[in-house]
Amino acid sequence: MTPELAIHRTDRVVEVTFDRPARHNAFTREMYAGLRELCAELREDRGTRVLVLRGAGGRAFAAGNEISDFVEADAVAYETWIRELLGELFALPQVTVAAIDGVCVGGGLAVATHCDLRVATPGSRFGYPIARTLGNALSASVVYRCATVFGESLTREMLLTSRLVGADRAYAAGALASVTEDLDVEVDGLVTGLLAASGVTLRATKQQLTARALHLEASPASDAELLAEVYTGPDFHEGVRSFLAKEKPTFDPGG
C-alpha cells in the first residue's frame, strides 16, 4: 500500500486520506492500485460497515489524475483499469462516504460519484474540465454515473463548458447529502447514524441500487473504439504535452 493513501481503522470504520497535498491529491497509479487492494479486502470484510474517503490539505479532495502516468502507459488500457476500480468501489458492501473539502475534479470526481454519499464544505467545487485541459474523454459509464448523481443538465455543463460547479448547486441537484463548515462533525454524525442502522438493510439496499445502476449505466459496445480514437488523436497528444510543459493547449480547430 502506497504511503500516499493514509488508512485509519476504527471499530467498523475505515477512513482513507489521499495524501498528496502538494499535487492537490491527484491520483497516481500506485494510489489507484492501493485503492483496488483495499476494495478487494473490504469485499470480504463483514465487520467493517463504513468506508470514508477524504483528501489531505484542505484544498482538494482530489484534482484528477497524475498525467505523467498516461504518458507511460497505454492510455485506453489505463482508463479501462481505472474504470474497473471504480466499479469495485461502487459495488462494495460497505456504505461509502466521500468527505470533500476543496476541488473535486477529474478522477477525484469519478471516485466521489462512485461513493454512496457525498458531503462537502461550502467552498468545494466539482467538474470535468477536460475539454480545456487534456482533450481526452471519459468512459461512458463514468459519464452516466455523473449524470445519475448530478443530473444530466449539470453533467452536460461540466463537460461541455469546462465550468466547475459550486457546492450550493451540487447540493440543490441532490449530489451532496449536506454542505457544512465543519466536515469532521458532519462525517462523524453520518457515520454514527450508519453504525446504528441495520447492516442487513444497508447491504440489501446497496445490492438493489447497484444492480439498477449497472443496468442503466452500462457502457455501449462502441465505447472502447471511441476512447481509442480520442487517446490516439492529436488533441490528447497536445493536451498532455501542454500540461506537462505548463502551457495552454492549442487544440485542432477542426477536431
Protein backbone atom coordinates (compact mmCIF):
# COMPACT_ATOMS: atom_id res chain seq x y z
CA MET A 1 0.00 0.00 0.00
CA THR A 2 1.41 3.40 -1.00
CA PRO A 3 2.13 5.99 1.73
CA GLU A 4 0.05 8.47 -0.28
CA LEU A 5 -3.01 6.58 0.95
CA ALA A 6 -3.23 7.10 4.71
CA ILE A 7 -5.54 4.42 6.13
CA HIS A 8 -7.05 4.71 9.60
CA ARG A 9 -9.14 1.90 11.05
CA THR A 10 -11.51 2.11 13.99
CA ASP A 11 -14.40 -0.07 15.11
CA ARG A 12 -16.36 -0.93 11.91
CA VAL A 13 -15.00 2.13 10.03
CA VAL A 14 -12.13 2.53 7.58
CA GLU A 15 -11.02 6.05 6.67
CA VAL A 16 -8.71 6.68 3.71
CA THR A 17 -6.98 10.02 3.18
CA PHE A 18 -5.49 10.87 -0.21
CA ASP A 19 -2.21 12.36 0.95
CA ARG A 20 -0.56 14.32 -1.88
CA PRO A 21 -1.49 17.88 -0.89
CA ALA A 22 1.36 19.42 -2.89
CA ARG A 23 -0.28 17.94 -6.02
CA HIS A 24 -3.86 18.57 -4.88
CA ASN A 25 -4.05 14.83 -4.12
CA ALA A 26 -4.00 13.91 -7.82
CA PHE A 27 -4.21 10.14 -8.17
CA THR A 28 -1.16 8.14 -9.17
CA ARG A 29 -1.17 4.60 -10.50
CA GLU A 30 0.12 3.47 -7.09
CA MET A 31 -2.77 5.19 -5.31
CA TYR A 32 -5.31 3.54 -7.60
CA ALA A 33 -3.60 0.19 -7.05
CA GLY A 34 -3.78 0.74 -3.29
CA LEU A 35 -7.49 1.53 -3.50
CA ARG A 36 -8.04 -1.58 -5.57
CA GLU A 37 -6.20 -3.68 -2.99
CA LEU A 38 -8.32 -2.15 -0.22
CA CYS A 39 -11.53 -2.81 -2.15
CA ALA A 40 -10.57 -6.46 -2.56
CA GLU A 41 -10.03 -6.69 1.20
CA LEU A 42 -13.27 -4.90 2.11
CA ARG A 43 -15.30 -7.02 -0.29
CA GLU A 44 -14.73 -9.98 2.08
CA ASP A 45 -14.89 -7.95 5.30
CA ARG A 46 -18.18 -8.42 7.15
CA GLY A 47 -17.06 -6.42 10.17
CA THR A 48 -16.44 -3.05 8.51
CA ARG A 49 -19.64 -1.05 7.99
CA VAL A 50 -18.42 2.29 6.57
CA LEU A 51 -15.63 3.50 4.28
CA VAL A 52 -14.80 7.22 4.35
CA LEU A 53 -12.64 8.81 1.65
CA ARG A 54 -11.13 12.29 2.00
CA GLY A 55 -8.27 14.47 0.79
CA ALA A 56 -5.42 15.96 2.79
CA GLY A 57 -4.51 19.63 2.95
CA GLY A 58 -7.89 21.38 2.90
CA ARG A 59 -7.57 22.45 -0.76
CA ALA A 60 -8.71 19.38 -2.66
CA PHE A 61 -10.47 16.05 -2.35
CA ALA A 62 -8.54 15.02 -5.46
CA ALA A 63 -7.70 17.02 -8.56
CA GLY A 64 -7.75 14.43 -11.30
CA ASN A 65 -5.01 12.01 -12.23
CA GLU A 66 -1.24 12.30 -12.42
CA ILE A 67 -0.92 12.98 -16.13
CA SER A 68 2.56 11.52 -16.48
CA ASP A 69 1.04 8.10 -15.75
CA PHE A 70 -0.92 8.33 -19.02
CA VAL A 71 2.30 9.03 -20.92
CA GLU A 72 3.99 5.94 -19.52
CA ALA A 73 1.10 3.57 -20.29
CA ASP A 74 -1.43 2.62 -22.93
CA ALA A 75 -3.93 5.40 -22.19
CA VAL A 76 -7.00 3.38 -23.18
CA ALA A 77 -5.90 0.38 -21.11
CA TYR A 78 -5.16 2.68 -18.15
CA GLU A 79 -8.61 4.29 -18.47
CA THR A 80 -10.18 0.82 -18.53
CA TRP A 81 -8.20 -0.25 -15.46
CA ILE A 82 -9.37 2.85 -13.56
CA ARG A 83 -12.96 2.21 -14.62
CA GLU A 84 -12.72 -1.34 -13.25
CA LEU A 85 -11.52 0.04 -9.91
CA LEU A 86 -14.44 2.48 -9.82
CA GLY A 87 -16.78 -0.44 -10.38
CA GLU A 88 -15.22 -2.30 -7.46
CA LEU A 89 -15.58 0.75 -5.21
CA PHE A 90 -19.20 1.19 -6.25
CA ALA A 91 -20.05 -2.47 -5.56
CA LEU A 92 -18.58 -2.61 -2.04
CA PRO A 93 -20.97 -3.95 0.62
CA GLN A 94 -19.95 -1.10 2.96
CA VAL A 95 -21.57 2.33 2.80
CA THR A 96 -19.02 4.65 1.18
CA VAL A 97 -18.77 8.33 2.02
CA ALA A 98 -16.78 10.99 0.15
CA ALA A 99 -15.86 13.83 2.54
CA ILE A 100 -14.99 16.69 0.19
CA ASP A 101 -13.08 19.82 1.14
CA GLY A 102 -11.96 21.82 -1.87
CA VAL A 103 -11.54 20.89 -5.53
CA CYS A 104 -13.08 17.61 -6.66
CA VAL A 105 -12.43 17.22 -10.37
CA GLY A 106 -11.48 14.63 -12.96
CA GLY A 107 -10.52 11.35 -11.32
CA GLY A 108 -11.44 12.82 -7.95
CA LEU A 109 -15.00 13.44 -9.10
CA ALA A 110 -15.16 9.96 -10.63
CA VAL A 111 -14.23 8.45 -7.26
CA ALA A 112 -16.69 10.69 -5.40
CA THR A 113 -19.61 9.86 -7.69
CA HIS A 114 -18.94 6.15 -7.22
CA CYS A 115 -19.43 6.59 -3.46
CA ASP A 116 -22.86 6.21 -1.89
CA LEU A 117 -22.89 9.56 -0.12
CA ARG A 118 -21.07 12.86 -0.51
CA VAL A 119 -20.71 15.72 1.98
CA ALA A 120 -18.74 18.88 1.27
CA THR A 121 -17.60 22.23 2.58
CA PRO A 122 -19.16 25.39 1.07
CA GLY A 123 -16.08 26.25 -0.96
CA SER A 124 -15.84 22.87 -2.66
CA ARG A 125 -16.11 22.73 -6.45
CA PHE A 126 -16.83 19.91 -8.85
CA GLY A 127 -16.25 19.25 -12.53
CA TYR A 128 -14.60 17.63 -15.51
CA PRO A 129 -12.69 20.45 -17.28
CA ILE A 130 -11.02 18.01 -19.68
CA ALA A 131 -12.21 19.79 -22.84
CA ARG A 132 -9.93 22.72 -21.96
CA THR A 133 -7.05 20.81 -20.42
CA LEU A 134 -6.29 17.34 -21.79
CA GLY A 135 -8.57 16.86 -24.78
CA ASN A 136 -9.40 13.33 -23.66
CA ALA A 137 -12.74 11.66 -22.93
CA LEU A 138 -14.30 9.72 -20.08
CA SER A 139 -15.53 6.16 -20.18
CA ALA A 140 -19.24 6.18 -20.91
CA SER A 141 -20.11 4.52 -17.59
CA VAL A 142 -18.29 7.32 -15.72
CA VAL A 143 -20.29 9.95 -17.64
CA TYR A 144 -23.53 8.07 -16.90
CA ARG A 145 -22.69 7.82 -13.19
CA CYS A 146 -22.07 11.58 -13.06
CA ALA A 147 -25.39 12.20 -14.80
CA THR A 148 -27.14 9.97 -12.27
CA VAL A 149 -25.61 11.85 -9.33
CA PHE A 150 -25.62 15.45 -10.61
CA GLY A 151 -28.36 15.24 -13.22
CA GLU A 152 -27.92 15.43 -16.97
CA SER A 153 -28.05 19.23 -17.23
CA LEU A 154 -25.21 19.84 -14.76
CA THR A 155 -23.19 16.99 -16.23
CA ARG A 156 -23.51 18.50 -19.70
CA GLU A 157 -22.48 21.88 -18.30
CA MET A 158 -19.45 20.48 -16.51
CA LEU A 159 -18.21 18.51 -19.51
CA LEU A 160 -19.15 20.80 -22.40
CA THR A 161 -18.26 24.18 -20.86
CA SER A 162 -15.47 23.00 -18.52
CA ARG A 163 -17.09 25.07 -15.75
CA LEU A 164 -16.79 23.94 -12.17
CA VAL A 165 -19.99 23.60 -10.14
CA GLY A 166 -20.11 25.03 -6.63
CA ALA A 167 -21.27 23.13 -3.55
CA ASP A 168 -24.54 25.07 -3.43
CA ARG A 169 -25.58 23.94 -6.90
CA ALA A 170 -24.36 20.40 -6.28
CA TYR A 171 -26.48 20.23 -3.13
CA ALA A 172 -29.52 21.65 -4.92
CA ALA A 173 -29.11 18.96 -7.58
CA GLY A 174 -29.07 16.24 -4.91
CA ALA A 175 -25.42 15.30 -5.49
CA LEU A 176 -24.48 16.15 -1.89
CA ALA A 177 -26.10 14.89 1.30
CA SER A 178 -25.06 18.10 3.06
CA VAL A 179 -22.88 21.20 2.87
CA THR A 180 -21.14 22.04 6.11
CA GLU A 181 -18.49 24.32 7.58
CA ASP A 182 -17.36 21.53 9.90
CA LEU A 183 -16.70 18.47 7.78
CA ASP A 184 -15.39 16.35 10.66
CA VAL A 185 -18.51 16.86 12.78
CA GLU A 186 -20.78 16.15 9.80
CA VAL A 187 -18.93 12.97 8.87
CA ASP A 188 -18.88 11.76 12.49
CA GLY A 189 -22.64 12.27 12.74
CA LEU A 190 -23.25 10.49 9.48
CA VAL A 191 -21.06 7.55 10.46
CA THR A 192 -22.71 7.30 13.88
CA GLY A 193 -26.11 7.01 12.20
CA LEU A 194 -24.87 4.38 9.75
CA LEU A 195 -23.37 2.29 12.56
CA ALA A 196 -26.68 2.37 14.42
CA ALA A 197 -28.63 1.18 11.36
CA SER A 198 -29.34 -2.40 10.34
CA GLY A 199 -26.39 -3.78 8.42
CA VAL A 200 -28.72 -6.25 6.69
CA THR A 201 -30.87 -3.40 5.40
CA LEU A 202 -27.89 -1.36 4.23
CA ARG A 203 -26.29 -4.27 2.36
CA ALA A 204 -29.56 -5.33 0.71
CA THR A 205 -30.35 -1.77 -0.35
CA LYS A 206 -26.87 -1.31 -1.78
CA GLN A 207 -27.20 -4.53 -3.79
CA GLN A 208 -30.52 -3.37 -5.25
CA LEU A 209 -29.29 0.10 -6.18
CA THR A 210 -26.01 -1.20 -7.58
CA ALA A 211 -27.81 -3.71 -9.79
CA ARG A 212 -30.07 -0.93 -11.11
CA ALA A 213 -27.13 1.37 -11.82
CA LEU A 214 -25.13 -1.33 -13.61
CA HIS A 215 -28.12 -1.97 -15.86
CA LEU A 216 -28.83 1.69 -16.65
CA GLU A 217 -25.24 2.94 -16.81
CA ALA A 218 -23.51 0.22 -18.81
CA SER A 219 -21.13 1.47 -21.49
CA PRO A 220 -22.17 0.84 -25.11
CA ALA A 221 -20.22 -1.69 -27.15
CA SER A 222 -18.65 1.10 -29.22
CA ASP A 223 -17.14 2.88 -26.21
CA ALA A 224 -13.70 1.23 -26.38
CA GLU A 225 -13.36 2.16 -30.05
CA LEU A 226 -14.37 5.77 -29.29
CA LEU A 227 -11.85 6.07 -26.45
CA ALA A 228 -9.09 4.60 -28.60
CA GLU A 229 -9.78 7.23 -31.25
CA VAL A 230 -9.63 10.01 -28.65
CA TYR A 231 -6.49 8.83 -26.86
CA THR A 232 -4.54 8.28 -30.06
CA GLY A 233 -5.67 11.59 -31.59
CA PRO A 234 -3.89 14.94 -31.86
CA ASP A 235 -5.88 16.75 -29.17
CA PHE A 236 -4.90 14.36 -26.39
CA HIS A 237 -1.28 14.45 -27.54
CA GLU A 238 -1.38 18.25 -27.41
CA GLY A 239 -3.19 18.24 -24.07
CA VAL A 240 -0.57 16.07 -22.40
CA ARG A 241 2.31 18.00 -23.97
CA SER A 242 0.97 21.38 -22.89
CA PHE A 243 0.02 20.15 -19.41
CA LEU A 244 3.50 18.83 -18.70
CA ALA A 245 5.03 21.99 -20.17
CA LYS A 246 2.63 24.12 -18.10
CA GLU A 247 1.33 25.81 -21.23
CA LYS A 248 -2.15 26.49 -22.56
CA PRO A 249 -3.12 23.82 -25.12
CA THR A 250 -3.85 24.64 -28.74
CA PHE A 251 -6.37 22.09 -29.90
CA ASP A 252 -7.19 21.23 -33.50
CA PRO A 253 -9.86 23.78 -34.58
CA GLY A 254 -11.34 21.24 -36.95
CA GLY A 255 -11.49 18.46 -34.39
